[in-house]
């Protein structure tokens, strides 16, 4: 009979995705974990009021940027607390909004961070470039409740600034940058490419093996 230490670890990926970029990373993260022998479940954070992408409005996009800069929460539907309790490893994945975690992730931490006590928590961040404030906030919240915040996996959009910010703003506002010849030259795509997704899968396999060690 195998011992507890020989049993496959159980990972739970808790995530919010606005424009599907985080969802793509989560798909490949999950695949890499499973290939490394870790049992994986996912828990998607769902806002009480649906957030549409794109917003189809410049003014709504500006308003959203301002609200998220000041860390306004987006209320989420209740989550399965037992699913979190059963997990050996938590992955907390989501986009950076105006330097911060997304509103749904902030609401999750307000309501459920106590469930992370005694657990390893791996942040996965999808962003343009500015992820450090996001990570510091996550680390502070996770550590304060008795969890162990691991070094993050960060995937940035590969377009250079200022075109990344301009192109992302246009995309969220519902204006396709690739329909404008000048922007198309500087902003050929939105989000993560296939090379990054393959790298996510590879890193997931490597990290899964290291996460198999018990919480200190």
Protein backbone atom coordinates (compact mmCIF):
# COMPACT_ATOMS: atom_id res chain seq x y z
CA UNK A 1 0.00 0.00 0.00
CA UNK A 2 1.39 3.46 -0.92
CA UNK A 3 2.02 6.12 1.66
CA UNK A 4 0.50 9.62 1.58
CA UNK A 5 3.80 10.95 0.24
CA UNK A 6 3.45 8.61 -2.76
CA UNK A 7 -0.05 9.79 -3.65
CA UNK A 8 -0.35 12.25 -6.56
CA UNK A 9 -0.54 15.84 -5.43
CA UNK A 10 -3.83 17.63 -6.05
CA UNK A 11 -3.59 21.07 -7.63
CA UNK A 12 -6.41 23.58 -7.90
CA UNK A 13 -6.12 26.36 -10.47
CA UNK A 14 -8.23 29.33 -9.37
CA UNK A 15 -8.45 31.86 -12.17
CA UNK A 16 -10.23 34.81 -13.68
CA UNK A 17 -10.04 35.57 -17.37
CA UNK A 18 -11.39 38.71 -19.03
CA UNK A 19 -10.15 38.50 -22.61
CA UNK A 20 -9.38 34.72 -22.64
CA UNK A 21 -5.59 35.26 -22.36
CA UNK A 22 -5.44 33.82 -18.83
CA UNK A 23 -7.73 30.97 -19.90
CA UNK A 24 -5.23 30.02 -22.62
CA UNK A 25 -2.39 29.98 -20.09
CA UNK A 26 -4.47 27.92 -17.67
CA UNK A 27 -5.22 25.34 -20.37
CA UNK A 28 -1.52 24.73 -20.98
CA UNK A 29 -0.66 24.94 -17.28
CA UNK A 30 -3.23 22.25 -16.57
CA UNK A 31 -1.89 20.07 -19.35
CA UNK A 32 1.69 20.38 -18.09
CA UNK A 33 0.67 19.56 -14.51
CA UNK A 34 -1.23 16.47 -15.60
CA UNK A 35 1.72 15.24 -17.65
CA UNK A 36 3.89 15.55 -14.52
CA UNK A 37 1.50 13.36 -12.52
CA UNK A 38 -0.40 16.01 -10.57
CA UNK A 39 -4.19 15.77 -10.29
CA UNK A 40 -5.65 19.07 -11.46
CA UNK A 41 -8.98 20.83 -11.00
CA UNK A 42 -9.97 24.32 -12.06
CA UNK A 43 -12.13 26.91 -10.37
CA UNK A 44 -13.14 29.86 -12.54
CA UNK A 45 -14.08 33.08 -10.75
CA UNK A 46 -17.36 34.36 -12.17
CA UNK A 47 -18.49 37.96 -11.54
CA UNK A 48 -21.99 38.49 -10.20
CA UNK A 49 -22.52 40.94 -13.05
CA UNK A 50 -21.02 39.76 -16.30
CA UNK A 51 -18.10 41.77 -17.67
CA UNK A 52 -18.15 41.84 -21.46
CA UNK A 53 -15.05 41.85 -23.62
CA UNK A 54 -14.54 44.09 -25.45
CA UNK A 55 -16.28 46.96 -23.70
CA UNK A 56 -17.20 48.69 -26.99
CA UNK A 57 -16.68 52.11 -25.48
CA UNK A 58 -13.70 54.40 -24.93
CA UNK A 59 -15.36 56.05 -21.92
CA UNK A 60 -16.17 52.70 -20.27
CA UNK A 61 -12.59 51.56 -20.84
CA UNK A 62 -11.19 54.70 -19.19
CA UNK A 63 -13.65 54.29 -16.30
CA UNK A 64 -12.62 50.66 -15.83
CA UNK A 65 -8.92 51.60 -15.83
CA UNK A 66 -9.51 54.23 -13.14
CA UNK A 67 -11.58 51.90 -10.95
CA UNK A 68 -9.04 49.11 -11.16
CA UNK A 69 -6.16 51.49 -10.45
CA UNK A 70 -7.79 52.08 -7.07
CA UNK A 71 -8.41 48.34 -6.62
CA UNK A 72 -12.18 48.44 -6.81
CA UNK A 73 -13.51 44.97 -6.23
CA UNK A 74 -15.72 43.08 -8.67
CA UNK A 75 -18.09 40.88 -6.70
CA UNK A 76 -17.87 37.20 -7.61
CA UNK A 77 -20.33 34.34 -7.25
CA UNK A 78 -19.72 31.99 -4.28
CA UNK A 79 -17.01 29.37 -4.79
CA UNK A 80 -16.69 25.80 -3.57
CA UNK A 81 -14.69 26.17 -0.35
CA UNK A 82 -14.25 22.42 0.02
CA UNK A 83 -12.56 22.31 -3.37
CA UNK A 84 -9.98 24.77 -2.04
CA UNK A 85 -9.52 22.90 1.25
CA UNK A 86 -8.81 19.59 -0.53
CA UNK A 87 -6.06 21.02 -2.75
CA UNK A 88 -2.39 20.53 -1.87
CA UNK A 89 -1.30 23.28 -4.23
CA UNK A 90 -3.16 26.42 -5.29
CA UNK A 91 -2.49 28.28 -8.51
CA UNK A 92 -3.98 31.78 -8.53
CA UNK A 93 -4.10 33.05 -12.10
CA UNK A 94 -5.36 36.25 -13.63
CA UNK A 95 -4.57 39.38 -15.59
CA UNK A 96 -3.02 42.58 -14.32
CA UNK A 97 -5.49 45.46 -14.38
CA UNK A 98 -3.91 48.90 -14.01
CA UNK A 99 -0.91 47.47 -12.11
CA UNK A 100 -3.14 45.43 -9.77
CA UNK A 101 -4.83 42.05 -9.60
CA UNK A 102 -8.17 42.02 -11.39
CA UNK A 103 -11.31 43.01 -9.51
CA UNK A 104 -12.65 39.43 -9.27
CA UNK A 105 -9.31 38.17 -7.86
CA UNK A 106 -9.31 40.97 -5.29
CA UNK A 107 -12.82 39.99 -4.21
CA UNK A 108 -11.77 36.34 -3.96
CA UNK A 109 -8.87 37.26 -1.68
CA UNK A 110 -11.12 39.41 0.52
CA UNK A 111 -13.60 36.59 1.00
CA UNK A 112 -11.57 33.38 0.83
CA UNK A 113 -7.89 34.06 1.51
CA UNK A 114 -8.22 32.36 4.92
CA UNK A 115 -8.59 29.06 3.05
CA UNK A 116 -5.03 29.45 1.74
CA UNK A 117 -3.49 28.96 5.17
CA UNK A 118 -0.79 26.28 5.11
CA UNK A 119 -0.83 25.99 1.33
CA UNK A 120 1.65 26.75 -1.40
CA UNK A 121 0.20 29.36 -3.74
CA UNK A 122 1.66 29.88 -7.19
CA UNK A 123 0.66 33.18 -8.87
CA UNK A 124 0.30 33.13 -12.65
CA UNK A 125 0.11 36.61 -14.14
CA UNK A 126 -0.88 37.69 -17.63
CA UNK A 127 0.01 41.32 -18.34
CA UNK A 128 1.53 43.91 -20.63
CA UNK A 129 4.66 44.63 -18.59
CA UNK A 130 3.67 46.01 -15.19
CA UNK A 131 3.18 43.02 -12.89
CA UNK A 132 5.32 43.73 -9.82
CA UNK A 133 2.73 45.71 -7.86
CA UNK A 134 0.23 42.97 -8.68
CA UNK A 135 2.57 40.29 -7.32
CA UNK A 136 3.51 42.24 -4.18
CA UNK A 137 -0.17 42.62 -3.30
CA UNK A 138 -0.81 38.90 -3.79
CA UNK A 139 2.23 37.98 -1.73
CA UNK A 140 1.19 40.25 1.13
CA UNK A 141 -2.36 38.86 1.23
CA UNK A 142 -1.30 35.22 0.93
CA UNK A 143 1.47 35.52 3.52
CA UNK A 144 -0.76 37.36 5.99
CA UNK A 145 -3.21 34.45 6.03
CA UNK A 146 -0.47 31.85 6.59
CA UNK A 147 0.07 30.65 3.04
CA UNK A 148 3.36 30.43 1.19
CA UNK A 149 3.45 32.61 -1.93
CA UNK A 150 5.82 31.17 -4.51
CA UNK A 151 7.71 33.10 -7.16
CA UNK A 152 5.26 33.97 -9.93
CA UNK A 153 4.98 32.73 -13.47
CA UNK A 154 4.63 35.88 -15.56
CA UNK A 155 3.79 36.09 -19.24
CA UNK A 156 3.79 39.53 -20.80
CA UNK A 157 2.42 40.69 -24.11
CA UNK A 158 5.41 40.86 -26.42
CA UNK A 159 4.66 44.16 -28.17
CA UNK A 160 6.97 47.04 -27.25
CA UNK A 161 5.71 50.14 -25.45
CA UNK A 162 3.97 52.48 -26.01
CA UNK A 163 2.28 50.36 -28.69
CA UNK A 164 1.36 47.62 -26.23
CA UNK A 165 -0.59 50.04 -24.04
CA UNK A 166 -2.21 51.81 -26.97
CA UNK A 167 -3.11 48.59 -28.75
CA UNK A 168 -4.45 46.95 -25.60
CA UNK A 169 -6.59 50.00 -24.83
CA UNK A 170 -8.01 50.01 -28.35
CA UNK A 171 -8.72 46.28 -28.20
CA UNK A 172 -10.55 46.52 -24.86
CA UNK A 173 -12.50 49.51 -26.16
CA UNK A 174 -13.59 47.46 -29.18
CA UNK A 175 -11.40 49.22 -31.75
CA UNK A 176 -9.37 46.71 -33.73
CA UNK A 177 -5.82 48.12 -34.05
CA UNK A 178 -5.14 45.93 -37.06
CA UNK A 179 -7.80 47.80 -39.02
CA UNK A 180 -5.53 50.86 -38.95
CA UNK A 181 -2.43 50.62 -41.16
CA UNK A 182 -0.23 52.69 -38.83
CA UNK A 183 -1.14 50.64 -35.73
CA UNK A 184 -0.98 47.35 -37.60
CA UNK A 185 2.71 47.95 -38.21
CA UNK A 186 3.43 48.50 -34.50
CA UNK A 187 0.78 46.23 -32.97
CA UNK A 188 0.41 43.08 -35.05
CA UNK A 189 -1.37 40.99 -32.42
CA UNK A 190 -3.07 41.06 -29.03
CA UNK A 191 -2.08 38.77 -26.20
CA UNK A 192 0.15 35.72 -25.93
CA UNK A 193 1.54 33.74 -28.84
CA UNK A 194 1.90 29.99 -29.36
CA UNK A 195 5.54 29.99 -28.26
CA UNK A 196 4.53 31.44 -24.88
CA UNK A 197 1.75 28.88 -24.47
CA UNK A 198 4.18 26.05 -25.18
CA UNK A 199 6.59 27.57 -22.65
CA UNK A 200 3.78 27.66 -20.08
CA UNK A 201 3.26 23.94 -20.55
CA UNK A 202 6.96 23.19 -20.18
CA UNK A 203 7.32 25.33 -17.07
CA UNK A 204 4.25 23.68 -15.58
CA UNK A 205 5.89 20.27 -15.89
CA UNK A 206 9.08 21.51 -14.25
CA UNK A 207 7.29 23.36 -11.46
CA UNK A 208 4.95 20.45 -10.78
CA UNK A 209 7.89 18.26 -9.91
CA UNK A 210 9.31 20.84 -7.50
CA UNK A 211 5.92 21.37 -5.87
CA UNK A 212 5.79 17.71 -4.90
CA UNK A 213 7.89 18.47 -1.80
CA UNK A 214 5.84 18.94 1.40
CA UNK A 215 5.01 22.39 2.75
CA UNK A 216 7.78 23.37 5.20
